[in-house]
Amino acid sequence: MISVEGLRSLLKEHFEGDEVEVRDMTGTSDHFEVCIVSAAFEGKSLIEQHKLVHAACGEHLTRAIHALKIKTSTP
């Protein structure tokens, strides 16, 4: 299990200085919605952007996180 704050910290490490919002969708700490605004997404397809978020979540994505709703955009 990972907390909202734990996931936010993890994402902030990878998207330092960018806007990162995390919401627990079910209250069970395994279904999350993340919204990230980052210049790192410039010129990348939506799938490439989501792959960056998946990589930032690391092993938590396949173990502690059951569902991850992702919204990405550029500043």
N, C-alpha and C. Protein backbone atom coordinates (compact mmCIF):
# COMPACT_ATOMS: atom_id res chain seq x y z
N MET A 1 0.84 -1.18 0.00
CA MET A 1 0.00 0.00 0.00
C MET A 1 0.89 1.25 0.00
N ILE A 2 0.43 2.28 -0.69
CA ILE A 2 1.13 3.55 -0.71
C ILE A 2 0.10 4.65 -0.45
N SER A 3 0.49 5.63 0.33
CA SER A 3 -0.42 6.73 0.66
C SER A 3 -0.44 7.77 -0.46
N VAL A 4 -1.42 8.64 -0.40
CA VAL A 4 -1.51 9.75 -1.36
C VAL A 4 -0.22 10.58 -1.26
N GLU A 5 0.19 10.88 -0.03
CA GLU A 5 1.40 11.69 0.16
C GLU A 5 2.64 10.95 -0.33
N GLY A 6 2.69 9.65 -0.11
CA GLY A 6 3.82 8.85 -0.58
C GLY A 6 3.93 8.86 -2.10
N LEU A 7 2.79 8.71 -2.77
CA LEU A 7 2.78 8.72 -4.24
C LEU A 7 3.12 10.12 -4.75
N ARG A 8 2.58 11.15 -4.10
CA ARG A 8 2.89 12.53 -4.50
C ARG A 8 4.39 12.79 -4.39
N SER A 9 5.00 12.36 -3.29
CA SER A 9 6.45 12.54 -3.10
C SER A 9 7.25 11.82 -4.17
N LEU A 10 6.84 10.60 -4.48
CA LEU A 10 7.52 9.81 -5.50
C LEU A 10 7.46 10.51 -6.86
N LEU A 11 6.29 11.01 -7.21
CA LEU A 11 6.13 11.70 -8.49
C LEU A 11 6.87 13.04 -8.50
N LYS A 12 6.87 13.74 -7.36
CA LYS A 12 7.58 15.03 -7.27
C LYS A 12 9.08 14.84 -7.47
N GLU A 13 9.62 13.70 -7.05
CA GLU A 13 11.04 13.41 -7.27
C GLU A 13 11.36 13.34 -8.76
N HIS A 14 10.44 12.78 -9.54
CA HIS A 14 10.66 12.62 -10.98
C HIS A 14 10.23 13.84 -11.79
N PHE A 15 9.28 14.57 -11.26
CA PHE A 15 8.78 15.77 -11.94
C PHE A 15 9.02 16.98 -11.03
N GLU A 16 10.28 17.16 -10.66
CA GLU A 16 10.68 18.20 -9.72
C GLU A 16 10.32 19.58 -10.25
N GLY A 17 9.67 20.35 -9.41
CA GLY A 17 9.29 21.72 -9.77
C GLY A 17 8.02 21.79 -10.59
N ASP A 18 7.44 20.64 -10.92
CA ASP A 18 6.22 20.62 -11.73
C ASP A 18 5.00 20.47 -10.83
N GLU A 19 3.85 20.73 -11.41
CA GLU A 19 2.58 20.62 -10.67
C GLU A 19 2.15 19.15 -10.64
N VAL A 20 2.00 18.60 -9.45
CA VAL A 20 1.60 17.21 -9.27
C VAL A 20 0.45 17.14 -8.27
N GLU A 21 -0.68 16.58 -8.70
CA GLU A 21 -1.82 16.37 -7.82
C GLU A 21 -2.13 14.88 -7.78
N VAL A 22 -2.44 14.37 -6.60
CA VAL A 22 -2.76 12.96 -6.43
C VAL A 22 -4.04 12.86 -5.60
N ARG A 23 -4.93 11.99 -6.04
CA ARG A 23 -6.20 11.77 -5.33
C ARG A 23 -6.45 10.27 -5.19
N ASP A 24 -6.83 9.84 -4.00
CA ASP A 24 -7.22 8.44 -3.76
C ASP A 24 -8.68 8.32 -4.22
N MET A 25 -8.93 7.55 -5.25
CA MET A 25 -10.26 7.48 -5.85
C MET A 25 -11.26 6.65 -5.04
N THR A 26 -10.78 5.72 -4.20
CA THR A 26 -11.70 4.82 -3.50
C THR A 26 -11.52 4.81 -1.99
N GLY A 27 -10.49 5.46 -1.49
CA GLY A 27 -10.22 5.44 -0.06
C GLY A 27 -9.48 4.20 0.41
N THR A 28 -9.00 3.39 -0.53
CA THR A 28 -8.32 2.14 -0.20
C THR A 28 -6.82 2.17 -0.46
N SER A 29 -6.31 3.32 -0.86
CA SER A 29 -4.87 3.50 -1.14
C SER A 29 -4.33 2.55 -2.19
N ASP A 30 -5.17 2.20 -3.17
CA ASP A 30 -4.67 1.40 -4.29
C ASP A 30 -5.28 1.81 -5.63
N HIS A 31 -6.19 2.78 -5.63
CA HIS A 31 -6.78 3.34 -6.85
C HIS A 31 -6.55 4.85 -6.79
N PHE A 32 -5.72 5.36 -7.71
CA PHE A 32 -5.34 6.77 -7.66
C PHE A 32 -5.63 7.47 -8.98
N GLU A 33 -5.83 8.78 -8.87
CA GLU A 33 -5.88 9.66 -10.02
C GLU A 33 -4.75 10.66 -9.84
N VAL A 34 -3.93 10.82 -10.87
CA VAL A 34 -2.84 11.80 -10.83
C VAL A 34 -3.00 12.79 -11.97
N CYS A 35 -2.72 14.04 -11.67
CA CYS A 35 -2.72 15.11 -12.67
C CYS A 35 -1.35 15.77 -12.58
N ILE A 36 -0.63 15.77 -13.70
CA ILE A 36 0.73 16.32 -13.71
C ILE A 36 0.86 17.30 -14.86
N VAL A 37 1.35 18.49 -14.55
CA VAL A 37 1.65 19.50 -15.56
C VAL A 37 3.17 19.64 -15.58
N SER A 38 3.78 19.28 -16.72
CA SER A 38 5.24 19.27 -16.79
C SER A 38 5.73 19.59 -18.20
N ALA A 39 6.82 20.34 -18.26
CA ALA A 39 7.47 20.61 -19.54
C ALA A 39 8.09 19.34 -20.11
N ALA A 40 8.30 18.32 -19.27
CA ALA A 40 8.87 17.05 -19.73
C ALA A 40 7.96 16.37 -20.75
N PHE A 41 6.69 16.76 -20.81
CA PHE A 41 5.74 16.15 -21.74
C PHE A 41 5.73 16.82 -23.11
N GLU A 42 6.45 17.94 -23.24
CA GLU A 42 6.49 18.69 -24.51
C GLU A 42 6.90 17.78 -25.66
N GLY A 43 6.13 17.79 -26.74
CA GLY A 43 6.48 17.06 -27.96
C GLY A 43 6.31 15.55 -27.86
N LYS A 44 5.77 15.06 -26.76
CA LYS A 44 5.59 13.61 -26.58
C LYS A 44 4.12 13.25 -26.79
N SER A 45 3.91 12.05 -27.31
CA SER A 45 2.54 11.56 -27.47
C SER A 45 1.95 11.27 -26.09
N LEU A 46 0.65 11.10 -26.04
CA LEU A 46 -0.02 10.80 -24.78
C LEU A 46 0.52 9.50 -24.18
N ILE A 47 0.76 8.52 -25.01
CA ILE A 47 1.30 7.24 -24.52
C ILE A 47 2.70 7.44 -23.96
N GLU A 48 3.53 8.23 -24.61
CA GLU A 48 4.89 8.50 -24.10
C GLU A 48 4.81 9.25 -22.77
N GLN A 49 3.88 10.18 -22.65
CA GLN A 49 3.71 10.91 -21.39
C GLN A 49 3.32 9.96 -20.27
N HIS A 50 2.38 9.07 -20.55
CA HIS A 50 1.92 8.12 -19.53
C HIS A 50 3.02 7.13 -19.16
N LYS A 51 3.85 6.77 -20.12
CA LYS A 51 4.98 5.89 -19.82
C LYS A 51 5.96 6.56 -18.85
N LEU A 52 6.14 7.86 -18.97
CA LEU A 52 7.00 8.59 -18.03
C LEU A 52 6.42 8.52 -16.61
N VAL A 53 5.10 8.63 -16.51
CA VAL A 53 4.45 8.55 -15.20
C VAL A 53 4.57 7.13 -14.65
N HIS A 54 4.34 6.14 -15.50
CA HIS A 54 4.49 4.74 -15.08
C HIS A 54 5.90 4.48 -14.57
N ALA A 55 6.89 4.96 -15.28
CA ALA A 55 8.29 4.76 -14.86
C ALA A 55 8.55 5.42 -13.52
N ALA A 56 7.95 6.59 -13.29
CA ALA A 56 8.14 7.29 -12.02
C ALA A 56 7.52 6.52 -10.86
N CYS A 57 6.45 5.78 -11.12
CA CYS A 57 5.79 5.00 -10.06
C CYS A 57 6.58 3.75 -9.72
N GLY A 58 7.42 3.31 -10.63
CA GLY A 58 8.28 2.15 -10.38
C GLY A 58 7.51 0.91 -9.99
N GLU A 59 8.06 0.16 -9.06
CA GLU A 59 7.47 -1.12 -8.65
C GLU A 59 6.12 -0.96 -7.96
N HIS A 60 5.80 0.24 -7.48
CA HIS A 60 4.51 0.46 -6.83
C HIS A 60 3.35 0.23 -7.81
N LEU A 61 3.61 0.48 -9.10
CA LEU A 61 2.55 0.36 -10.10
C LEU A 61 2.05 -1.07 -10.21
N THR A 62 2.90 -2.04 -10.06
CA THR A 62 2.46 -3.42 -10.19
C THR A 62 2.17 -4.09 -8.86
N ARG A 63 2.51 -3.43 -7.77
CA ARG A 63 2.32 -4.05 -6.44
C ARG A 63 1.29 -3.31 -5.60
N ALA A 64 1.56 -2.07 -5.26
CA ALA A 64 0.68 -1.33 -4.34
C ALA A 64 -0.45 -0.60 -5.06
N ILE A 65 -0.24 -0.25 -6.32
CA ILE A 65 -1.24 0.51 -7.07
C ILE A 65 -1.98 -0.43 -8.00
N HIS A 66 -3.29 -0.55 -7.78
CA HIS A 66 -4.10 -1.44 -8.61
C HIS A 66 -4.62 -0.71 -9.85
N ALA A 67 -4.96 0.57 -9.69
CA ALA A 67 -5.48 1.37 -10.81
C ALA A 67 -4.88 2.77 -10.73
N LEU A 68 -4.54 3.31 -11.90
CA LEU A 68 -3.95 4.64 -11.96
C LEU A 68 -4.54 5.40 -13.13
N LYS A 69 -5.33 6.41 -12.81
CA LYS A 69 -5.92 7.30 -13.82
C LYS A 69 -4.95 8.46 -13.98
N ILE A 70 -4.50 8.70 -15.20
CA ILE A 70 -3.46 9.71 -15.44
C ILE A 70 -3.98 10.82 -16.33
N LYS A 71 -3.75 12.06 -15.91
CA LYS A 71 -3.99 13.24 -16.74
C LYS A 71 -2.67 13.99 -16.82
N THR A 72 -2.20 14.22 -18.02
CA THR A 72 -0.94 14.94 -18.22
C THR A 72 -1.17 16.13 -19.13
N SER A 73 -0.39 17.17 -18.91
CA SER A 73 -0.42 18.34 -19.79
C SER A 73 0.88 19.11 -19.66
N THR A 74 1.06 20.05 -20.56
CA THR A 74 2.24 20.90 -20.54
C THR A 74 1.87 22.28 -20.02
N PRO A 75 2.84 23.00 -19.46
CA PRO A 75 2.52 24.33 -18.93
C PRO A 75 2.13 25.31 -20.03
